[in-house]
């Protein structure tokens, strides 16, 4: 018997990674006081305050700090 997709558990489909990269690749300007940077791990563009010198986006920086069950 084939498994059915549970609509209650997964109500909306998430965009694919390719679609997310297309959206992220469009030209955009960071807010005032922020600098546009490219993540050294996933290569997504993100904005950071000018006084911070992070080379990774928030998701990649917090990836190693998440608890695993």
PDB file of N, CA and C in Angstrom:
ATOM      1  N   UNK A   1       0.837  -1.169   0.000  1.00  0.00           N
ATOM      2  CA  UNK A   1       0.000   0.000   0.000  1.00  0.00           C
ATOM      3  C   UNK A   1       0.893   1.248   0.000  1.00  0.00           C
ATOM      4  N   UNK A   2       0.597   2.163  -0.868  1.00  0.00           N
ATOM      5  CA  UNK A   2       1.387   3.382  -0.976  1.00  0.00           C
ATOM      6  C   UNK A   2       1.036   4.346   0.156  1.00  0.00           C
ATOM      7  N   UNK A   3       2.063   5.047   0.623  1.00  0.00           N
ATOM      8  CA  UNK A   3       1.832   6.047   1.671  1.00  0.00           C
ATOM      9  C   UNK A   3       1.172   7.269   1.064  1.00  0.00           C
ATOM     10  N   UNK A   4       0.252   7.863   1.798  1.00  0.00           N
ATOM     11  CA  UNK A   4      -0.410   9.073   1.352  1.00  0.00           C
ATOM     12  C   UNK A   4       0.253  10.283   1.996  1.00  0.00           C
ATOM     13  N   UNK A   5       0.275  11.359   1.277  1.00  0.00           N
ATOM     14  CA  UNK A   5       0.841  12.611   1.775  1.00  0.00           C
ATOM     15  C   UNK A   5      -0.103  13.193   2.813  1.00  0.00           C
ATOM     16  N   UNK A   6       0.380  13.427   3.991  1.00  0.00           N
ATOM     17  CA  UNK A   6      -0.435  13.918   5.094  1.00  0.00           C
ATOM     18  C   UNK A   6      -0.552  15.440   5.003  1.00  0.00           C
ATOM     19  N   UNK A   7      -1.686  15.956   4.540  1.00  0.00           N
ATOM     20  CA  UNK A   7      -1.897  17.399   4.377  1.00  0.00           C
ATOM     21  C   UNK A   7      -1.967  18.133   5.711  1.00  0.00           C
ATOM     22  N   UNK A   8      -2.414  17.452   6.756  1.00  0.00           N
ATOM     23  CA  UNK A   8      -2.488  18.112   8.063  1.00  0.00           C
ATOM     24  C   UNK A   8      -1.095  18.346   8.629  1.00  0.00           C
ATOM     25  N   UNK A   9      -0.198  17.432   8.392  1.00  0.00           N
ATOM     26  CA  UNK A   9       1.162  17.571   8.906  1.00  0.00           C
ATOM     27  C   UNK A   9       1.990  18.535   8.060  1.00  0.00           C
ATOM     28  N   UNK A  10       1.806  18.512   6.756  1.00  0.00           N
ATOM     29  CA  UNK A  10       2.547  19.373   5.834  1.00  0.00           C
ATOM     30  C   UNK A  10       1.553  20.211   5.031  1.00  0.00           C
ATOM     31  N   UNK A  11       1.010  21.284   5.605  1.00  0.00           N
ATOM     32  CA  UNK A  11      -0.041  22.043   4.924  1.00  0.00           C
ATOM     33  C   UNK A  11       0.415  22.778   3.672  1.00  0.00           C
ATOM     34  N   UNK A  12       1.645  23.301   3.641  1.00  0.00           N
ATOM     35  CA  UNK A  12       2.121  24.042   2.481  1.00  0.00           C
ATOM     36  C   UNK A  12       3.462  23.482   2.045  1.00  0.00           C
ATOM     37  N   UNK A  13       3.670  23.445   0.763  1.00  0.00           N
ATOM     38  CA  UNK A  13       4.949  22.986   0.232  1.00  0.00           C
ATOM     39  C   UNK A  13       5.967  24.119   0.340  1.00  0.00           C
ATOM     40  N   UNK A  14       7.174  23.806   0.736  1.00  0.00           N
ATOM     41  CA  UNK A  14       8.246  24.789   0.821  1.00  0.00           C
ATOM     42  C   UNK A  14       8.903  24.941  -0.548  1.00  0.00           C
ATOM     43  N   UNK A  15       9.428  26.135  -0.861  1.00  0.00           N
ATOM     44  CA  UNK A  15      10.091  26.296  -2.149  1.00  0.00           C
ATOM     45  C   UNK A  15      11.345  25.427  -2.218  1.00  0.00           C
ATOM     46  N   UNK A  16      11.665  24.983  -3.375  1.00  0.00           N
ATOM     47  CA  UNK A  16      12.860  24.162  -3.540  1.00  0.00           C
ATOM     48  C   UNK A  16      14.093  25.039  -3.381  1.00  0.00           C
ATOM     49  N   UNK A  17      15.213  24.400  -3.200  1.00  0.00           N
ATOM     50  CA  UNK A  17      16.454  25.151  -3.024  1.00  0.00           C
ATOM     51  C   UNK A  17      16.787  25.942  -4.282  1.00  0.00           C
ATOM     52  N   UNK A  18      16.518  25.376  -5.437  1.00  0.00           N
ATOM     53  CA  UNK A  18      16.796  26.088  -6.691  1.00  0.00           C
ATOM     54  C   UNK A  18      15.964  27.364  -6.786  1.00  0.00           C
ATOM     55  N   UNK A  19      14.703  27.286  -6.414  1.00  0.00           N
ATOM     56  CA  UNK A  19      13.849  28.478  -6.445  1.00  0.00           C
ATOM     57  C   UNK A  19      14.322  29.514  -5.436  1.00  0.00           C
ATOM     58  N   UNK A  20      14.758  29.063  -4.271  1.00  0.00           N
ATOM     59  CA  UNK A  20      15.262  29.989  -3.253  1.00  0.00           C
ATOM     60  C   UNK A  20      16.527  30.683  -3.735  1.00  0.00           C
ATOM     61  N   UNK A  21      17.386  29.972  -4.438  1.00  0.00           N
ATOM     62  CA  UNK A  21      18.613  30.583  -4.948  1.00  0.00           C
ATOM     63  C   UNK A  21      18.318  31.607  -6.040  1.00  0.00           C
ATOM     64  N   UNK A  22      17.302  31.357  -6.845  1.00  0.00           N
ATOM     65  CA  UNK A  22      16.912  32.326  -7.875  1.00  0.00           C
ATOM     66  C   UNK A  22      16.414  33.606  -7.221  1.00  0.00           C
ATOM     67  N   UNK A  23      15.590  33.472  -6.212  1.00  0.00           N
ATOM     68  CA  UNK A  23      15.065  34.643  -5.496  1.00  0.00           C
ATOM     69  C   UNK A  23      16.199  35.399  -4.828  1.00  0.00           C
ATOM     70  N   UNK A  24      17.124  34.676  -4.194  1.00  0.00           N
ATOM     71  CA  UNK A  24      18.244  35.307  -3.496  1.00  0.00           C
ATOM     72  C   UNK A  24      19.215  35.963  -4.465  1.00  0.00           C
ATOM     73  N   UNK A  25      19.288  35.478  -5.694  1.00  0.00           N
ATOM     74  CA  UNK A  25      20.215  36.018  -6.684  1.00  0.00           C
ATOM     75  C   UNK A  25      19.751  37.305  -7.341  1.00  0.00           C
ATOM     76  N   UNK A  26      18.495  37.681  -7.135  1.00  0.00           N
ATOM     77  CA  UNK A  26      18.002  38.940  -7.703  1.00  0.00           C
ATOM     78  C   UNK A  26      18.683  40.125  -7.025  1.00  0.00           C
ATOM     79  N   UNK A  27      18.861  41.218  -7.760  1.00  0.00           N
ATOM     80  CA  UNK A  27      19.512  42.390  -7.156  1.00  0.00           C
ATOM     81  C   UNK A  27      18.688  42.978  -6.006  1.00  0.00           C
ATOM     82  N   UNK A  28      19.367  43.301  -4.925  1.00  0.00           N
ATOM     83  CA  UNK A  28      18.716  43.937  -3.786  1.00  0.00           C
ATOM     84  C   UNK A  28      19.744  44.758  -3.030  1.00  0.00           C
ATOM     85  N   UNK A  29      19.264  45.740  -2.298  1.00  0.00           N
ATOM     86  CA  UNK A  29      20.121  46.614  -1.504  1.00  0.00           C
ATOM     87  C   UNK A  29      19.855  46.354  -0.024  1.00  0.00           C
ATOM     88  N   UNK A  30      20.913  46.313   0.798  1.00  0.00           N
ATOM     89  CA  UNK A  30      20.700  46.125   2.237  1.00  0.00           C
ATOM     90  C   UNK A  30      20.091  47.370   2.872  1.00  0.00           C
ATOM     91  N   UNK A  31      19.461  47.205   4.027  1.00  0.00           N
ATOM     92  CA  UNK A  31      18.905  48.372   4.722  1.00  0.00           C
ATOM     93  C   UNK A  31      20.008  49.347   5.146  1.00  0.00           C
ATOM     94  N   UNK A  32      19.667  50.585   5.461  1.00  0.00           N
ATOM     95  CA  UNK A  32      20.668  51.555   5.908  1.00  0.00           C
ATOM     96  C   UNK A  32      21.405  51.051   7.154  1.00  0.00           C
ATOM     97  N   UNK A  33      22.726  51.191   7.161  1.00  0.00           N
ATOM     98  CA  UNK A  33      23.548  50.739   8.283  1.00  0.00           C
ATOM     99  C   UNK A  33      23.968  49.285   8.174  1.00  0.00           C
ATOM    100  N   UNK A  34      23.595  48.623   7.089  1.00  0.00           N
ATOM    101  CA  UNK A  34      23.940  47.220   6.876  1.00  0.00           C
ATOM    102  C   UNK A  34      24.785  47.062   5.622  1.00  0.00           C
ATOM    103  N   UNK A  35      25.506  45.954   5.550  1.00  0.00           N
ATOM    104  CA  UNK A  35      26.364  45.642   4.418  1.00  0.00           C
ATOM    105  C   UNK A  35      25.912  44.319   3.817  1.00  0.00           C
ATOM    106  N   UNK A  36      25.937  44.222   2.501  1.00  0.00           N
ATOM    107  CA  UNK A  36      25.565  42.980   1.815  1.00  0.00           C
ATOM    108  C   UNK A  36      26.797  42.065   1.771  1.00  0.00           C
ATOM    109  N   UNK A  37      26.626  40.834   2.264  1.00  0.00           N
ATOM    110  CA  UNK A  37      27.731  39.871   2.280  1.00  0.00           C
ATOM    111  C   UNK A  37      27.264  38.542   1.715  1.00  0.00           C
ATOM    112  N   UNK A  38      28.219  37.706   1.325  1.00  0.00           N
ATOM    113  CA  UNK A  38      27.915  36.368   0.812  1.00  0.00           C
ATOM    114  C   UNK A  38      28.443  35.332   1.789  1.00  0.00           C
ATOM    115  N   UNK A  39      27.598  34.375   2.150  1.00  0.00           N
ATOM    116  CA  UNK A  39      27.958  33.343   3.123  1.00  0.00           C
ATOM    117  C   UNK A  39      29.077  32.459   2.557  1.00  0.00           C
ATOM    118  N   UNK A  40      30.073  32.176   3.377  1.00  0.00           N
ATOM    119  CA  UNK A  40      31.199  31.352   2.936  1.00  0.00           C
ATOM    120  C   UNK A  40      30.858  29.864   2.898  1.00  0.00           C
ATOM    121  N   UNK A  41      29.732  29.497   3.491  1.00  0.00           N
ATOM    122  CA  UNK A  41      29.351  28.080   3.524  1.00  0.00           C
ATOM    123  C   UNK A  41      28.299  27.729   2.471  1.00  0.00           C
ATOM    124  N   UNK A  42      27.202  28.485   2.417  1.00  0.00           N
ATOM    125  CA  UNK A  42      26.101  28.156   1.497  1.00  0.00           C
ATOM    126  C   UNK A  42      26.030  29.100   0.293  1.00  0.00           C
ATOM    127  N   UNK A  43      26.814  30.171   0.299  1.00  0.00           N
ATOM    128  CA  UNK A  43      26.908  31.149  -0.789  1.00  0.00           C
ATOM    129  C   UNK A  43      25.627  31.946  -1.016  1.00  0.00           C
ATOM    130  N   UNK A  44      24.769  32.043   0.010  1.00  0.00           N
ATOM    131  CA  UNK A  44      23.591  32.913  -0.057  1.00  0.00           C
ATOM    132  C   UNK A  44      24.022  34.322   0.317  1.00  0.00           C
ATOM    133  N   UNK A  45      23.337  35.315  -0.242  1.00  0.00           N
ATOM    134  CA  UNK A  45      23.581  36.701   0.126  1.00  0.00           C
ATOM    135  C   UNK A  45      22.779  37.031   1.375  1.00  0.00           C
ATOM    136  N   UNK A  46      23.370  37.796   2.289  1.00  0.00           N
ATOM    137  CA  UNK A  46      22.688  38.229   3.505  1.00  0.00           C
ATOM    138  C   UNK A  46      23.208  39.602   3.893  1.00  0.00           C
ATOM    139  N   UNK A  47      22.490  40.274   4.780  1.00  0.00           N
ATOM    140  CA  UNK A  47      22.935  41.593   5.231  1.00  0.00           C
ATOM    141  C   UNK A  47      23.326  41.514   6.698  1.00  0.00           C
ATOM    142  N   UNK A  48      24.324  42.289   7.041  1.00  0.00           N
ATOM    143  CA  UNK A  48      24.874  42.333   8.388  1.00  0.00           C
ATOM    144  C   UNK A  48      25.135  43.779   8.773  1.00  0.00           C
ATOM    145  N   UNK A  49      25.031  44.109  10.056  1.00  0.00           N
ATOM    146  CA  UNK A  49      25.424  45.475  10.455  1.00  0.00           C
ATOM    147  C   UNK A  49      26.882  45.737  10.081  1.00  0.00           C
ATOM    148  N   UNK A  50      27.205  46.984   9.802  1.00  0.00           N
ATOM    149  CA  UNK A  50      28.557  47.315   9.337  1.00  0.00           C
ATOM    150  C   UNK A  50      29.632  46.978  10.355  1.00  0.00           C
ATOM    151  N   UNK A  51      29.314  47.004  11.658  1.00  0.00           N
ATOM    152  CA  UNK A  51      30.340  46.739  12.675  1.00  0.00           C
ATOM    153  C   UNK A  51      30.645  45.248  12.855  1.00  0.00           C
ATOM    154  N   UNK A  52      29.800  44.366  12.333  1.00  0.00           N
ATOM    155  CA  UNK A  52      30.035  42.918  12.452  1.00  0.00           C
ATOM    156  C   UNK A  52      30.773  42.419  11.225  1.00  0.00           C
ATOM    157  N   UNK A  53      31.638  41.432  11.425  1.00  0.00           N
ATOM    158  CA  UNK A  53      32.426  40.895  10.321  1.00  0.00           C
ATOM    159  C   UNK A  53      32.208  39.384  10.213  1.00  0.00           C
ATOM    160  N   UNK A  54      30.945  38.958  10.161  1.00  0.00           N
ATOM    161  CA  UNK A  54      30.636  37.540  10.041  1.00  0.00           C
ATOM    162  C   UNK A  54      30.775  37.106   8.586  1.00  0.00           C
ATOM    163  N   UNK A  55      31.347  35.928   8.390  1.00  0.00           N
ATOM    164  CA  UNK A  55      31.487  35.425   7.022  1.00  0.00           C
ATOM    165  C   UNK A  55      30.403  34.409   6.686  1.00  0.00           C
ATOM    166  N   UNK A  56      29.563  34.055   7.680  1.00  0.00           N
ATOM    167  CA  UNK A  56      28.494  33.088   7.435  1.00  0.00           C
ATOM    168  C   UNK A  56      27.143  33.691   7.803  1.00  0.00           C
ATOM    169  N   UNK A  57      26.102  33.256   7.086  1.00  0.00           N
ATOM    170  CA  UNK A  57      24.752  33.733   7.374  1.00  0.00           C
ATOM    171  C   UNK A  57      24.281  33.159   8.711  1.00  0.00           C
ATOM    172  N   UNK A  58      23.179  33.668   9.204  1.00  0.00           N
ATOM    173  CA  UNK A  58      22.668  33.259  10.508  1.00  0.00           C
ATOM    174  C   UNK A  58      22.369  31.765  10.553  1.00  0.00           C
ATOM    175  N   UNK A  59      21.764  31.226   9.498  1.00  0.00           N
ATOM    176  CA  UNK A  59      21.428  29.799   9.477  1.00  0.00           C
ATOM    177  C   UNK A  59      22.672  28.924   9.547  1.00  0.00           C
ATOM    178  N   UNK A  60      23.701  29.254   8.788  1.00  0.00           N
ATOM    179  CA  UNK A  60      24.933  28.452   8.792  1.00  0.00           C
ATOM    180  C   UNK A  60      25.700  28.616  10.101  1.00  0.00           C
ATOM    181  N   UNK A  61      25.687  29.819  10.671  1.00  0.00           N
ATOM    182  CA  UNK A  61      26.382  30.053  11.938  1.00  0.00           C
ATOM    183  C   UNK A  61      25.721  29.301  13.079  1.00  0.00           C
ATOM    184  N   UNK A  62      24.396  29.177  13.050  1.00  0.00           N
ATOM    185  CA  UNK A  62      23.692  28.500  14.142  1.00  0.00           C
ATOM    186  C   UNK A  62      23.523  26.999  13.891  1.00  0.00           C
ATOM    187  N   UNK A  63      23.919  26.524  12.715  1.00  0.00           N
ATOM    188  CA  UNK A  63      23.720  25.113  12.371  1.00  0.00           C
ATOM    189  C   UNK A  63      24.406  24.173  13.361  1.00  0.00           C
ATOM    190  N   UNK A  64      25.619  24.473  13.746  1.00  0.00           N
ATOM    191  CA  UNK A  64      26.360  23.619  14.675  1.00  0.00           C
ATOM    192  C   UNK A  64      25.902  23.733  16.122  1.00  0.00           C
ATOM    193  N   UNK A  65      25.078  24.750  16.437  1.00  0.00           N
ATOM    194  CA  UNK A  65      24.641  24.966  17.805  1.00  0.00           C
ATOM    195  C   UNK A  65      23.264  24.368  18.073  1.00  0.00           C
ATOM    196  N   UNK A  66      22.618  23.804  17.069  1.00  0.00           N
ATOM    197  CA  UNK A  66      21.286  23.228  17.255  1.00  0.00           C
ATOM    198  C   UNK A  66      21.390  21.889  17.988  1.00  0.00           C
ATOM    199  N   UNK A  67      20.418  21.621  18.819  1.00  0.00           N
ATOM    200  CA  UNK A  67      20.407  20.338  19.520  1.00  0.00           C
ATOM    201  C   UNK A  67      19.820  19.270  18.607  1.00  0.00           C
ATOM    202  N   UNK A  68      20.366  18.084  18.723  1.00  0.00           N
ATOM    203  CA  UNK A  68      19.887  16.968  17.914  1.00  0.00           C
ATOM    204  C   UNK A  68      19.222  15.968  18.811  1.00  0.00           C
ATOM    205  N   UNK A  69      18.058  15.495  18.398  1.00  0.00           N
ATOM    206  CA  UNK A  69      17.307  14.522  19.181  1.00  0.00           C
ATOM    207  C   UNK A  69      17.391  13.159  18.577  1.00  0.00           C
TER     208      UNK A  69
END
